[in-house]
Amino acid sequence: MEDINRLKIVLVEKKKTGKWLAEQLGKNPSTVSKWCSNVSQPDLATLVKVAELLKVDVQELINK
């Protein structure tokens, strides 16, 4: 499976953790972990919220 998102990389760049992101979104940390490992993907609305929380453009979270 091709890596679809760059969430794990952006979290490291922003010095944030998956646990922090899960708390901000009201999600289970295991859900965020699955996003970071590309096991599953957030829906578009959640992806937009993630981008806002990390202060990045949504496109920075998606591989081209």
PDB file of N, CA and C in Angstrom:
ATOM      1  N   MET A   1       0.841  -1.184   0.000  1.00  0.00           N
ATOM      2  CA  MET A   1       0.000   0.000   0.000  1.00  0.00           C
ATOM      3  C   MET A   1       0.884   1.245   0.000  1.00  0.00           C
ATOM      4  N   GLU A   2       0.562   2.152  -0.854  1.00  0.00           N
ATOM      5  CA  GLU A   2       1.337   3.385  -0.957  1.00  0.00           C
ATOM      6  C   GLU A   2       1.013   4.306   0.221  1.00  0.00           C
ATOM      7  N   ASP A   3       2.026   4.973   0.747  1.00  0.00           N
ATOM      8  CA  ASP A   3       1.787   5.947   1.805  1.00  0.00           C
ATOM      9  C   ASP A   3       1.014   7.120   1.223  1.00  0.00           C
ATOM     10  N   ILE A   4      -0.128   7.411   1.810  1.00  0.00           N
ATOM     11  CA  ILE A   4      -1.001   8.447   1.274  1.00  0.00           C
ATOM     12  C   ILE A   4      -0.761   9.791   1.956  1.00  0.00           C
ATOM     13  N   ASN A   5      -0.506   9.747   3.246  1.00  0.00           N
ATOM     14  CA  ASN A   5      -0.350  11.021   3.945  1.00  0.00           C
ATOM     15  C   ASN A   5       1.033  11.164   4.578  1.00  0.00           C
ATOM     16  N   ARG A   6       1.324  12.384   4.956  1.00  0.00           N
ATOM     17  CA  ARG A   6       2.599  12.716   5.580  1.00  0.00           C
ATOM     18  C   ARG A   6       2.398  13.119   7.041  1.00  0.00           C
ATOM     19  N   LEU A   7       1.305  12.695   7.632  1.00  0.00           N
ATOM     20  CA  LEU A   7       0.958  13.150   8.974  1.00  0.00           C
ATOM     21  C   LEU A   7       2.061  12.881   9.988  1.00  0.00           C
ATOM     22  N   LYS A   8       2.623  11.701   9.968  1.00  0.00           N
ATOM     23  CA  LYS A   8       3.678  11.351  10.930  1.00  0.00           C
ATOM     24  C   LYS A   8       4.859  12.319  10.811  1.00  0.00           C
ATOM     25  N   ILE A   9       5.255  12.626   9.594  1.00  0.00           N
ATOM     26  CA  ILE A   9       6.391  13.527   9.347  1.00  0.00           C
ATOM     27  C   ILE A   9       6.078  14.937   9.834  1.00  0.00           C
ATOM     28  N   VAL A  10       4.876  15.417   9.505  1.00  0.00           N
ATOM     29  CA  VAL A  10       4.499  16.776   9.911  1.00  0.00           C
ATOM     30  C   VAL A  10       4.392  16.879  11.432  1.00  0.00           C
ATOM     31  N   LEU A  11       3.887  15.855  12.089  1.00  0.00           N
ATOM     32  CA  LEU A  11       3.838  15.868  13.557  1.00  0.00           C
ATOM     33  C   LEU A  11       5.247  16.018  14.138  1.00  0.00           C
ATOM     34  N   VAL A  12       6.205  15.291  13.584  1.00  0.00           N
ATOM     35  CA  VAL A  12       7.595  15.387  14.060  1.00  0.00           C
ATOM     36  C   VAL A  12       8.135  16.792  13.805  1.00  0.00           C
ATOM     37  N   GLU A  13       7.897  17.310  12.612  1.00  0.00           N
ATOM     38  CA  GLU A  13       8.381  18.655  12.272  1.00  0.00           C
ATOM     39  C   GLU A  13       7.812  19.713  13.205  1.00  0.00           C
ATOM     40  N   LYS A  14       6.564  19.533  13.620  1.00  0.00           N
ATOM     41  CA  LYS A  14       5.895  20.502  14.503  1.00  0.00           C
ATOM     42  C   LYS A  14       6.105  20.184  15.984  1.00  0.00           C
ATOM     43  N   LYS A  15       6.893  19.127  16.258  1.00  0.00           N
ATOM     44  CA  LYS A  15       7.180  18.712  17.634  1.00  0.00           C
ATOM     45  C   LYS A  15       5.902  18.418  18.416  1.00  0.00           C
ATOM     46  N   LYS A  16       4.993  17.714  17.754  1.00  0.00           N
ATOM     47  CA  LYS A  16       3.731  17.297  18.373  1.00  0.00           C
ATOM     48  C   LYS A  16       3.660  15.777  18.337  1.00  0.00           C
ATOM     49  N   THR A  17       2.816  15.217  19.196  1.00  0.00           N
ATOM     50  CA  THR A  17       2.663  13.764  19.241  1.00  0.00           C
ATOM     51  C   THR A  17       1.285  13.359  18.721  1.00  0.00           C
ATOM     52  N   GLY A  18       1.181  12.092  18.385  1.00  0.00           N
ATOM     53  CA  GLY A  18      -0.114  11.555  17.993  1.00  0.00           C
ATOM     54  C   GLY A  18      -1.110  11.653  19.137  1.00  0.00           C
ATOM     55  N   LYS A  19      -0.626  11.470  20.362  1.00  0.00           N
ATOM     56  CA  LYS A  19      -1.497  11.577  21.539  1.00  0.00           C
ATOM     57  C   LYS A  19      -2.054  12.995  21.666  1.00  0.00           C
ATOM     58  N   TRP A  20      -1.204  13.986  21.453  1.00  0.00           N
ATOM     59  CA  TRP A  20      -1.649  15.381  21.488  1.00  0.00           C
ATOM     60  C   TRP A  20      -2.727  15.611  20.439  1.00  0.00           C
ATOM     61  N   LEU A  21      -2.480  15.137  19.221  1.00  0.00           N
ATOM     62  CA  LEU A  21      -3.438  15.332  18.137  1.00  0.00           C
ATOM     63  C   LEU A  21      -4.767  14.639  18.459  1.00  0.00           C
ATOM     64  N   ALA A  22      -4.695  13.436  18.987  1.00  0.00           N
ATOM     65  CA  ALA A  22      -5.910  12.706  19.358  1.00  0.00           C
ATOM     66  C   ALA A  22      -6.719  13.488  20.398  1.00  0.00           C
ATOM     67  N   GLU A  23      -6.036  14.063  21.384  1.00  0.00           N
ATOM     68  CA  GLU A  23      -6.713  14.847  22.416  1.00  0.00           C
ATOM     69  C   GLU A  23      -7.381  16.072  21.809  1.00  0.00           C
ATOM     70  N   GLN A  24      -6.700  16.753  20.894  1.00  0.00           N
ATOM     71  CA  GLN A  24      -7.249  17.949  20.259  1.00  0.00           C
ATOM     72  C   GLN A  24      -8.495  17.631  19.428  1.00  0.00           C
ATOM     73  N   LEU A  25      -8.491  16.456  18.804  1.00  0.00           N
ATOM     74  CA  LEU A  25      -9.592  16.065  17.918  1.00  0.00           C
ATOM     75  C   LEU A  25     -10.692  15.286  18.634  1.00  0.00           C
ATOM     76  N   GLY A  26     -10.433  14.889  19.881  1.00  0.00           N
ATOM     77  CA  GLY A  26     -11.392  14.060  20.601  1.00  0.00           C
ATOM     78  C   GLY A  26     -11.467  12.657  20.015  1.00  0.00           C
ATOM     79  N   LYS A  27     -10.336  12.179  19.504  1.00  0.00           N
ATOM     80  CA  LYS A  27     -10.264  10.850  18.891  1.00  0.00           C
ATOM     81  C   LYS A  27      -9.450   9.920  19.780  1.00  0.00           C
ATOM     82  N   ASN A  28      -9.592   8.641  19.538  1.00  0.00           N
ATOM     83  CA  ASN A  28      -8.800   7.643  20.231  1.00  0.00           C
ATOM     84  C   ASN A  28      -7.364   7.702  19.693  1.00  0.00           C
ATOM     85  N   PRO A  29      -6.353   7.665  20.557  1.00  0.00           N
ATOM     86  CA  PRO A  29      -4.972   7.684  20.070  1.00  0.00           C
ATOM     87  C   PRO A  29      -4.655   6.568  19.070  1.00  0.00           C
ATOM     88  N   SER A  30      -5.324   5.427  19.189  1.00  0.00           N
ATOM     89  CA  SER A  30      -5.054   4.347  18.232  1.00  0.00           C
ATOM     90  C   SER A  30      -5.556   4.708  16.835  1.00  0.00           C
ATOM     91  N   THR A  31      -6.595   5.531  16.762  1.00  0.00           N
ATOM     92  CA  THR A  31      -7.088   5.995  15.462  1.00  0.00           C
ATOM     93  C   THR A  31      -6.040   6.873  14.786  1.00  0.00           C
ATOM     94  N   VAL A  32      -5.470   7.799  15.549  1.00  0.00           N
ATOM     95  CA  VAL A  32      -4.440   8.681  15.005  1.00  0.00           C
ATOM     96  C   VAL A  32      -3.210   7.864  14.613  1.00  0.00           C
ATOM     97  N   SER A  33      -2.879   6.873  15.403  1.00  0.00           N
ATOM     98  CA  SER A  33      -1.753   5.996  15.080  1.00  0.00           C
ATOM     99  C   SER A  33      -1.971   5.304  13.734  1.00  0.00           C
ATOM    100  N   LYS A  34      -3.185   4.869  13.480  1.00  0.00           N
ATOM    101  CA  LYS A  34      -3.499   4.224  12.194  1.00  0.00           C
ATOM    102  C   LYS A  34      -3.341   5.205  11.040  1.00  0.00           C
ATOM    103  N   TRP A  35      -3.708   6.468  11.273  1.00  0.00           N
ATOM    104  CA  TRP A  35      -3.511   7.482  10.232  1.00  0.00           C
ATOM    105  C   TRP A  35      -2.021   7.680   9.966  1.00  0.00           C
ATOM    106  N   CYS A  36      -1.235   7.747  11.039  1.00  0.00           N
ATOM    107  CA  CYS A  36       0.210   7.987  10.902  1.00  0.00           C
ATOM    108  C   CYS A  36       0.919   6.838  10.190  1.00  0.00           C
ATOM    109  N   SER A  37       0.405   5.634  10.351  1.00  0.00           N
ATOM    110  CA  SER A  37       1.037   4.474   9.720  1.00  0.00           C
ATOM    111  C   SER A  37       0.351   4.087   8.407  1.00  0.00           C
ATOM    112  N   ASN A  38      -0.567   4.925   7.963  1.00  0.00           N
ATOM    113  CA  ASN A  38      -1.294   4.714   6.706  1.00  0.00           C
ATOM    114  C   ASN A  38      -2.099   3.424   6.675  1.00  0.00           C
ATOM    115  N   VAL A  39      -2.524   2.950   7.839  1.00  0.00           N
ATOM    116  CA  VAL A  39      -3.424   1.796   7.899  1.00  0.00           C
ATOM    117  C   VAL A  39      -4.828   2.245   7.502  1.00  0.00           C
ATOM    118  N   SER A  40      -5.182   3.456   7.937  1.00  0.00           N
ATOM    119  CA  SER A  40      -6.454   4.062   7.552  1.00  0.00           C
ATOM    120  C   SER A  40      -6.213   5.553   7.350  1.00  0.00           C
ATOM    121  N   GLN A  41      -7.226   6.248   6.849  1.00  0.00           N
ATOM    122  CA  GLN A  41      -7.082   7.674   6.563  1.00  0.00           C
ATOM    123  C   GLN A  41      -8.219   8.451   7.222  1.00  0.00           C
ATOM    124  N   PRO A  42      -7.933   9.681   7.665  1.00  0.00           N
ATOM    125  CA  PRO A  42      -9.013  10.513   8.203  1.00  0.00           C
ATOM    126  C   PRO A  42      -9.921  10.974   7.075  1.00  0.00           C
ATOM    127  N   ASP A  43     -11.172  11.285   7.418  1.00  0.00           N
ATOM    128  CA  ASP A  43     -12.051  11.851   6.399  1.00  0.00           C
ATOM    129  C   ASP A  43     -11.595  13.279   6.102  1.00  0.00           C
ATOM    130  N   LEU A  44     -12.133  13.852   5.047  1.00  0.00           N
ATOM    131  CA  LEU A  44     -11.667  15.160   4.586  1.00  0.00           C
ATOM    132  C   LEU A  44     -11.864  16.254   5.638  1.00  0.00           C
ATOM    133  N   ALA A  45     -13.007  16.243   6.307  1.00  0.00           N
ATOM    134  CA  ALA A  45     -13.263  17.263   7.333  1.00  0.00           C
ATOM    135  C   ALA A  45     -12.240  17.165   8.466  1.00  0.00           C
ATOM    136  N   THR A  46     -11.905  15.951   8.856  1.00  0.00           N
ATOM    137  CA  THR A  46     -10.909  15.753   9.917  1.00  0.00           C
ATOM    138  C   THR A  46      -9.527  16.177   9.439  1.00  0.00           C
ATOM    139  N   LEU A  47      -9.204  15.880   8.193  1.00  0.00           N
ATOM    140  CA  LEU A  47      -7.911  16.267   7.637  1.00  0.00           C
ATOM    141  C   LEU A  47      -7.753  17.788   7.645  1.00  0.00           C
ATOM    142  N   VAL A  48      -8.826  18.493   7.325  1.00  0.00           N
ATOM    143  CA  VAL A  48      -8.800  19.963   7.358  1.00  0.00           C
ATOM    144  C   VAL A  48      -8.558  20.445   8.789  1.00  0.00           C
ATOM    145  N   LYS A  49      -9.222  19.817   9.759  1.00  0.00           N
ATOM    146  CA  LYS A  49      -9.039  20.185  11.171  1.00  0.00           C
ATOM    147  C   LYS A  49      -7.604  19.913  11.621  1.00  0.00           C
ATOM    148  N   VAL A  50      -7.038  18.784  11.189  1.00  0.00           N
ATOM    149  CA  VAL A  50      -5.639  18.454  11.514  1.00  0.00           C
ATOM    150  C   VAL A  50      -4.716  19.533  10.971  1.00  0.00           C
ATOM    151  N   ALA A  51      -4.946  19.934   9.732  1.00  0.00           N
ATOM    152  CA  ALA A  51      -4.110  20.973   9.121  1.00  0.00           C
ATOM    153  C   ALA A  51      -4.201  22.278   9.911  1.00  0.00           C
ATOM    154  N   GLU A  52      -5.396  22.626  10.343  1.00  0.00           N
ATOM    155  CA  GLU A  52      -5.572  23.846  11.147  1.00  0.00           C
ATOM    156  C   GLU A  52      -4.815  23.738  12.466  1.00  0.00           C
ATOM    157  N   LEU A  53      -4.934  22.601  13.136  1.00  0.00           N
ATOM    158  CA  LEU A  53      -4.255  22.412  14.426  1.00  0.00           C
ATOM    159  C   LEU A  53      -2.731  22.484  14.274  1.00  0.00           C
ATOM    160  N   LEU A  54      -2.220  21.936  13.169  1.00  0.00           N
ATOM    161  CA  LEU A  54      -0.768  21.913  12.945  1.00  0.00           C
ATOM    162  C   LEU A  54      -0.263  23.158  12.211  1.00  0.00           C
ATOM    163  N   LYS A  55      -1.217  24.042  11.860  1.00  0.00           N
ATOM    164  CA  LYS A  55      -0.881  25.291  11.163  1.00  0.00           C
ATOM    165  C   LYS A  55      -0.113  25.033   9.866  1.00  0.00           C
ATOM    166  N   VAL A  56      -0.653  24.095   9.078  1.00  0.00           N
ATOM    167  CA  VAL A  56      -0.089  23.798   7.763  1.00  0.00           C
ATOM    168  C   VAL A  56      -1.232  23.759   6.751  1.00  0.00           C
ATOM    169  N   ASP A  57      -0.888  23.870   5.478  1.00  0.00           N
ATOM    170  CA  ASP A  57      -1.861  23.707   4.407  1.00  0.00           C
ATOM    171  C   ASP A  57      -2.218  22.222   4.304  1.00  0.00           C
ATOM    172  N   VAL A  58      -3.458  21.921   3.987  1.00  0.00           N
ATOM    173  CA  VAL A  58      -3.894  20.527   3.856  1.00  0.00           C
ATOM    174  C   VAL A  58      -2.989  19.784   2.877  1.00  0.00           C
ATOM    175  N   GLN A  59      -2.548  20.454   1.835  1.00  0.00           N
ATOM    176  CA  GLN A  59      -1.707  19.796   0.824  1.00  0.00           C
ATOM    177  C   GLN A  59      -0.392  19.309   1.400  1.00  0.00           C
ATOM    178  N   GLU A  60       0.064  19.924   2.476  1.00  0.00           N
ATOM    179  CA  GLU A  60       1.305  19.469   3.111  1.00  0.00           C
ATOM    180  C   GLU A  60       1.140  18.101   3.785  1.00  0.00           C
ATOM    181  N   LEU A  61      -0.114  17.728   4.044  1.00  0.00           N
ATOM    182  CA  LEU A  61      -0.383  16.459   4.709  1.00  0.00           C
ATOM    183  C   LEU A  61      -0.604  15.316   3.728  1.00  0.00           C
ATOM    184  N   ILE A  62      -0.657  15.649   2.441  1.00  0.00           N
ATOM    185  CA  ILE A  62      -0.959  14.636   1.428  1.00  0.00           C
ATOM    186  C   ILE A  62       0.217  14.489   0.480  1.00  0.00           C
ATOM    187  N   ASN A  63       0.636  13.244   0.257  1.00  0.00           N
ATOM    188  CA  ASN A  63       1.708  12.993  -0.714  1.00  0.00           C
ATOM    189  C   ASN A  63       1.170  13.203  -2.118  1.00  0.00           C
ATOM    190  N   LYS A  64       2.039  13.720  -2.977  1.00  0.00           N
ATOM    191  CA  LYS A  64       1.646  13.940  -4.367  1.00  0.00           C
ATOM    192  C   LYS A  64       1.863  12.711  -5.176  1.00  0.00           C
TER     193      LYS A  64
END
